[in-house]
Amino acid sequence: MSPAGDEPFIAAVKPLVDAMGGELLPPDEAGPDDVVLVWEGADTVAVRLPQLADSLDHILAAMERKRGKPLADLDRKAKQEVVRILEARGAFSVRHGVETVASALGVSRFTVYNYLNREKGS
């Protein structure tokens, strides 16, 4: 993908790109919406950012992995915590975000809205 001297840089940014659900590409394959990262004055690697809806799915999957079980199996308090974290990360600004989160948590949209309103009221 790039000269061997750039490998530490690529290794350093890869966990961040993976956490976002992005993709690393050679800089010469970058499209107009990709972000080209420069290291020591040279185009080193391009990052293709995910679509917002894909990011939400990626975040939900990461939350499941971190908790070691499906989000739907969490207790009510843990589900409320998940909703709070997702709200802070902008999950509900994504089209169908509430529906996607409700499905992952195994609750209704109404319940997700209740969790959101409970946070605003406290």
C-alpha atoms as a PDB file:
ATOM      1  CA  MET A   1       0.000   0.000   0.000  1.00  0.00           C
ATOM      2  CA  SER A   2       2.830   2.403   0.816  1.00  0.00           C
ATOM      3  CA  PRO A   3       6.579   2.406   1.525  1.00  0.00           C
ATOM      4  CA  ALA A   4       7.702   0.314   4.492  1.00  0.00           C
ATOM      5  CA  GLY A   5       8.688   3.444   6.437  1.00  0.00           C
ATOM      6  CA  ASP A   6       5.017   4.381   6.644  1.00  0.00           C
ATOM      7  CA  GLU A   7       3.955   1.110   8.267  1.00  0.00           C
ATOM      8  CA  PRO A   8       4.120   2.429  11.874  1.00  0.00           C
ATOM      9  CA  PHE A   9       1.849   5.323  10.892  1.00  0.00           C
ATOM     10  CA  ILE A  10      -0.633   3.018   9.186  1.00  0.00           C
ATOM     11  CA  ALA A  11      -0.515   0.633  12.162  1.00  0.00           C
ATOM     12  CA  ALA A  12      -1.214   3.597  14.449  1.00  0.00           C
ATOM     13  CA  VAL A  13      -4.304   4.836  12.570  1.00  0.00           C
ATOM     14  CA  LYS A  14      -5.760   1.408  11.726  1.00  0.00           C
ATOM     15  CA  PRO A  15      -7.460   0.803  15.125  1.00  0.00           C
ATOM     16  CA  LEU A  16      -9.198   4.185  14.869  1.00  0.00           C
ATOM     17  CA  VAL A  17     -10.342   3.522  11.308  1.00  0.00           C
ATOM     18  CA  ASP A  18     -11.541   0.034  12.310  1.00  0.00           C
ATOM     19  CA  ALA A  19     -13.445   1.438  15.310  1.00  0.00           C
ATOM     20  CA  MET A  20     -15.288   3.848  12.999  1.00  0.00           C
ATOM     21  CA  GLY A  21     -16.063   1.123  10.491  1.00  0.00           C
ATOM     22  CA  GLY A  22     -13.880   2.820   7.884  1.00  0.00           C
ATOM     23  CA  GLU A  23     -11.561   1.309   5.311  1.00  0.00           C
ATOM     24  CA  LEU A  24      -7.895   1.956   4.517  1.00  0.00           C
ATOM     25  CA  LEU A  25      -6.957   2.350   0.843  1.00  0.00           C
ATOM     26  CA  PRO A  26      -3.858   3.248  -1.158  1.00  0.00           C
ATOM     27  CA  PRO A  27      -3.883   7.047  -1.609  1.00  0.00           C
ATOM     28  CA  ASP A  28      -4.034   6.750  -5.404  1.00  0.00           C
ATOM     29  CA  GLU A  29      -7.371   4.916  -5.074  1.00  0.00           C
ATOM     30  CA  ALA A  30      -8.963   7.686  -2.993  1.00  0.00           C
ATOM     31  CA  GLY A  31     -12.271   9.028  -4.176  1.00  0.00           C
ATOM     32  CA  PRO A  32     -13.532  12.573  -3.727  1.00  0.00           C
ATOM     33  CA  ASP A  33     -15.162  11.756  -0.366  1.00  0.00           C
ATOM     34  CA  ASP A  34     -12.170   9.861   1.044  1.00  0.00           C
ATOM     35  CA  VAL A  35      -9.654  11.438   3.424  1.00  0.00           C
ATOM     36  CA  VAL A  36      -6.000  11.194   2.382  1.00  0.00           C
ATOM     37  CA  LEU A  37      -3.602  11.169   5.337  1.00  0.00           C
ATOM     38  CA  VAL A  38      -0.180  12.729   4.875  1.00  0.00           C
ATOM     39  CA  TRP A  39       2.846  11.424   6.775  1.00  0.00           C
ATOM     40  CA  GLU A  40       6.233  13.122   6.563  1.00  0.00           C
ATOM     41  CA  GLY A  41       5.128  15.158   3.565  1.00  0.00           C
ATOM     42  CA  ALA A  42       3.770  12.309   1.467  1.00  0.00           C
ATOM     43  CA  ASP A  43       0.275  10.973   0.823  1.00  0.00           C
ATOM     44  CA  THR A  44       0.423   7.765   2.844  1.00  0.00           C
ATOM     45  CA  VAL A  45      -2.997   6.205   3.144  1.00  0.00           C
ATOM     46  CA  ALA A  46      -6.578   7.088   2.318  1.00  0.00           C
ATOM     47  CA  VAL A  47      -9.484   6.520   4.670  1.00  0.00           C
ATOM     48  CA  ARG A  48     -12.916   5.728   3.320  1.00  0.00           C
ATOM     49  CA  LEU A  49     -15.411   6.731   5.969  1.00  0.00           C
ATOM     50  CA  PRO A  50     -18.568   4.656   6.350  1.00  0.00           C
ATOM     51  CA  GLN A  51     -22.052   5.907   5.635  1.00  0.00           C
ATOM     52  CA  LEU A  52     -23.763   7.065   8.833  1.00  0.00           C
ATOM     53  CA  ALA A  53     -26.243   4.184   8.846  1.00  0.00           C
ATOM     54  CA  ASP A  54     -23.368   1.694   8.486  1.00  0.00           C
ATOM     55  CA  SER A  55     -21.572   3.445  11.341  1.00  0.00           C
ATOM     56  CA  LEU A  56     -24.553   2.917  13.628  1.00  0.00           C
ATOM     57  CA  ASP A  57     -24.633  -0.801  12.816  1.00  0.00           C
ATOM     58  CA  HIS A  58     -20.877  -0.954  13.460  1.00  0.00           C
ATOM     59  CA  ILE A  59     -21.247   0.854  16.804  1.00  0.00           C
ATOM     60  CA  LEU A  60     -24.056  -1.483  17.885  1.00  0.00           C
ATOM     61  CA  ALA A  61     -21.988  -4.553  16.973  1.00  0.00           C
ATOM     62  CA  ALA A  62     -19.003  -3.184  18.917  1.00  0.00           C
ATOM     63  CA  MET A  63     -21.218  -2.546  21.954  1.00  0.00           C
ATOM     64  CA  GLU A  64     -22.442  -6.144  21.790  1.00  0.00           C
ATOM     65  CA  ARG A  65     -18.890  -7.463  21.583  1.00  0.00           C
ATOM     66  CA  LYS A  66     -17.829  -5.308  24.515  1.00  0.00           C
ATOM     67  CA  ARG A  67     -20.699  -6.581  26.664  1.00  0.00           C
ATOM     68  CA  GLY A  68     -20.268 -10.169  25.540  1.00  0.00           C
ATOM     69  CA  LYS A  69     -23.929 -10.725  24.716  1.00  0.00           C
ATOM     70  CA  PRO A  70     -26.706  -9.400  22.508  1.00  0.00           C
ATOM     71  CA  LEU A  71     -27.918  -5.941  23.524  1.00  0.00           C
ATOM     72  CA  ALA A  72     -31.449  -7.337  23.661  1.00  0.00           C
ATOM     73  CA  ASP A  73     -30.338  -9.548  26.586  1.00  0.00           C
ATOM     74  CA  LEU A  74     -29.290  -6.571  28.740  1.00  0.00           C
ATOM     75  CA  ASP A  75     -31.405  -5.457  31.687  1.00  0.00           C
ATOM     76  CA  ARG A  76     -33.397  -2.220  31.536  1.00  0.00           C
ATOM     77  CA  LYS A  77     -30.755  -0.110  33.291  1.00  0.00           C
ATOM     78  CA  ALA A  78     -28.027  -1.344  30.910  1.00  0.00           C
ATOM     79  CA  LYS A  79     -30.261  -0.626  27.904  1.00  0.00           C
ATOM     80  CA  GLN A  80     -30.813   2.912  29.190  1.00  0.00           C
ATOM     81  CA  GLU A  81     -27.040   3.310  29.453  1.00  0.00           C
ATOM     82  CA  VAL A  82     -26.639   2.096  25.854  1.00  0.00           C
ATOM     83  CA  VAL A  83     -29.218   4.648  24.684  1.00  0.00           C
ATOM     84  CA  ARG A  84     -27.392   7.430  26.584  1.00  0.00           C
ATOM     85  CA  ILE A  85     -24.071   6.472  24.975  1.00  0.00           C
ATOM     86  CA  LEU A  86     -25.636   6.269  21.537  1.00  0.00           C
ATOM     87  CA  GLU A  87     -27.329   9.633  21.946  1.00  0.00           C
ATOM     88  CA  ALA A  88     -23.978  11.205  22.891  1.00  0.00           C
ATOM     89  CA  ARG A  89     -22.489   9.693  19.720  1.00  0.00           C
ATOM     90  CA  GLY A  90     -25.252  11.117  17.511  1.00  0.00           C
ATOM     91  CA  ALA A  91     -26.966   7.817  16.741  1.00  0.00           C
ATOM     92  CA  PHE A  92     -30.409   9.365  16.718  1.00  0.00           C
ATOM     93  CA  SER A  93     -29.530  11.940  14.074  1.00  0.00           C
ATOM     94  CA  VAL A  94     -29.235   9.092  11.560  1.00  0.00           C
ATOM     95  CA  ARG A  95     -32.325   8.289   9.513  1.00  0.00           C
ATOM     96  CA  HIS A  96     -34.113   5.358  11.178  1.00  0.00           C
ATOM     97  CA  GLY A  97     -31.689   5.559  14.115  1.00  0.00           C
ATOM     98  CA  VAL A  98     -34.395   5.059  16.738  1.00  0.00           C
ATOM     99  CA  GLU A  99     -35.810   2.071  14.867  1.00  0.00           C
ATOM    100  CA  THR A 100     -32.355   0.526  14.414  1.00  0.00           C
ATOM    101  CA  VAL A 101     -31.493   0.935  18.097  1.00  0.00           C
ATOM    102  CA  ALA A 102     -34.911  -0.309  19.231  1.00  0.00           C
ATOM    103  CA  SER A 103     -34.476  -3.434  17.133  1.00  0.00           C
ATOM    104  CA  ALA A 104     -30.983  -4.086  18.508  1.00  0.00           C
ATOM    105  CA  LEU A 105     -32.208  -3.632  22.082  1.00  0.00           C
ATOM    106  CA  GLY A 106     -35.335  -5.740  21.545  1.00  0.00           C
ATOM    107  CA  VAL A 107     -37.620  -2.902  22.632  1.00  0.00           C
ATOM    108  CA  SER A 108     -40.166  -0.658  20.941  1.00  0.00           C
ATOM    109  CA  ARG A 109     -39.428   2.754  19.462  1.00  0.00           C
ATOM    110  CA  PHE A 110     -41.662   4.157  22.194  1.00  0.00           C
ATOM    111  CA  THR A 111     -39.359   2.634  24.837  1.00  0.00           C
ATOM    112  CA  VAL A 112     -36.288   4.198  23.212  1.00  0.00           C
ATOM    113  CA  TYR A 113     -38.051   7.580  23.180  1.00  0.00           C
ATOM    114  CA  ASN A 114     -38.919   7.074  26.862  1.00  0.00           C
ATOM    115  CA  TYR A 115     -35.252   6.364  27.641  1.00  0.00           C
ATOM    116  CA  LEU A 116     -34.252   9.518  25.757  1.00  0.00           C
ATOM    117  CA  ASN A 117     -36.869  11.641  27.501  1.00  0.00           C
ATOM    118  CA  ARG A 118     -35.889  10.225  30.897  1.00  0.00           C
ATOM    119  CA  GLU A 119     -32.309  11.409  30.272  1.00  0.00           C
ATOM    120  CA  LYS A 120     -33.479  14.893  29.317  1.00  0.00           C
ATOM    121  CA  GLY A 121     -35.711  15.093  32.397  1.00  0.00           C
ATOM    122  CA  SER A 122     -32.995  14.160  34.883  1.00  0.00           C
END
